[in-house]
Amino acid sequence: MNRCDAKEVARKQIDSLKEQLFELSDRIHQNPEIKHEEYKACEWLSEYLTEQGFEVETKVGGLQTSFTAKKVFGSGKPHIAFCAEYDALPNIGHACGHNVIGLASVAAGLGLARALEESGKDGTVTVFGTPGEEGGGGKVYMARAGLFKDVDACLMIHPADRTTAGRTSNTSGRWRFKFYGRSAHGAGNPHLGINALDAVLQTFNMVNGLRQHTTEDCRLMGIITNGGQSVNAIPEVAECWFSIRAARLDTHQQLMDRVKKCADAAALATGCKLESEYPEHYPHNPVRINEPLNEVLTENLEALGIEVDPSPEGGKGSTDFGNVSWEVPGVHGYIAIVPRGTGGHSTELREAAGSEPGHKAIVDAGSALAMSGIDLVWCPELIKKAWEDFEERARQGI
């Protein structure tokens, strides 16, 4: 069986199962679950892939709502993987369209597996169920657990306002600063108090000053989560969070260190005790571009008659797929389901993800991903080129 025939087999398989895929996507969309609480979505996808003949293992990487679904043919090489996401945002639900991501990757796995089965080609197809992308870093835990170590290429597509192949993203890290002072009556004896809120405000002032001395790609964002307990008492405890992003991992680490020094200085100046926390599922690395995989995905999207933005700009947001792309060659594409200029995490994107545009994207993205997997299996030199590109960027630290 040649590549063209294999791609037709994959597309027919996806088309034959599309009503089941749509039903699953809609069910997840209508039952939004936030990071690491995606018990229903994990169960539904795991059960479906089991029914389709995949070997499924749940709770991988130490996560309660993760899974791997695998089919092995012959020697098992090459190993092509797809990342499924299915977590929602608090309050606004699937406004990032992760139900679409999840089912597109499931569709890709089903299509590629059928092509391998009918062709007699060797290979492994894995769908990784990756929870908690929205602030939970599921892929970070899974990468650290070595779950991607034998993968030759990992692919996924995210719904958006335009269709592109892979693009870069920013790093992401977070600090929680909790200051402890001493309470006192705000009118009667304020001189006896140590004001924890002052420490928070001083931290914000210094971070605001730091922004002038960062490059354009950097982002510093903060919120106060506890500013005191009573307006007529010196705040004894105050707390804030900062999100730090940059285009490069080395720049990000330098910025993290400088923000921490701002909090240290604020504690010293006010006499407070500082408690700091850096959540273990950070940092999110920037997505490492892989030009050979970008080209393969672009060609297959265009083969489906989909217009692809030829020069996608790097994203200012962040994704835990970045950590996967530093383990193995990866591509994190995007597919349009809303008009150009529509923001992510919006009600417009949420509504599209649960209706016809989302359904179309599942078939189109799933087909393009499966077809890209077929190119990699049928043309081993493409995997070689992808690894060469990966290793060169690794040497450059980008």
Foldseek 3Di string as FASTA:
>chain_A
DDLVVLLVQLLVQLVVCLVVLLVLLLVLLVVAAAFLRPQPNLVVLQVVLVVVPWDKDACPLVGRRKMKTKDWADPAPPEEEEEQERHADPPLGNLFLSSLFRLLRVSLLRSLVSSCVVVSFGHMYMYIHFGRFPPHLRLLSNVVSVVCQRHLEYETATADQAWAKFFKEKKKWKKKKKWFKAKDFQPPCCVPIQARLQLVVQLVVVVVVCVVVDDPLKDKDKDWPANADDPRMRRRMTMMMIMIIGRAPVSRVVVVVVSVVSSVVSCVVRVIDMDMDIDPSDTQGMADDQVLLRVLLVVLLVVVVGDYDPDDHHYSHTTNVSSVCLNHPYMYIYHYQHHPPDDGPDSRSSVSSSDDSSSVSSSSSSSSSNSSVSCCSNPVVSSVSRVVRSVVVVVVRD
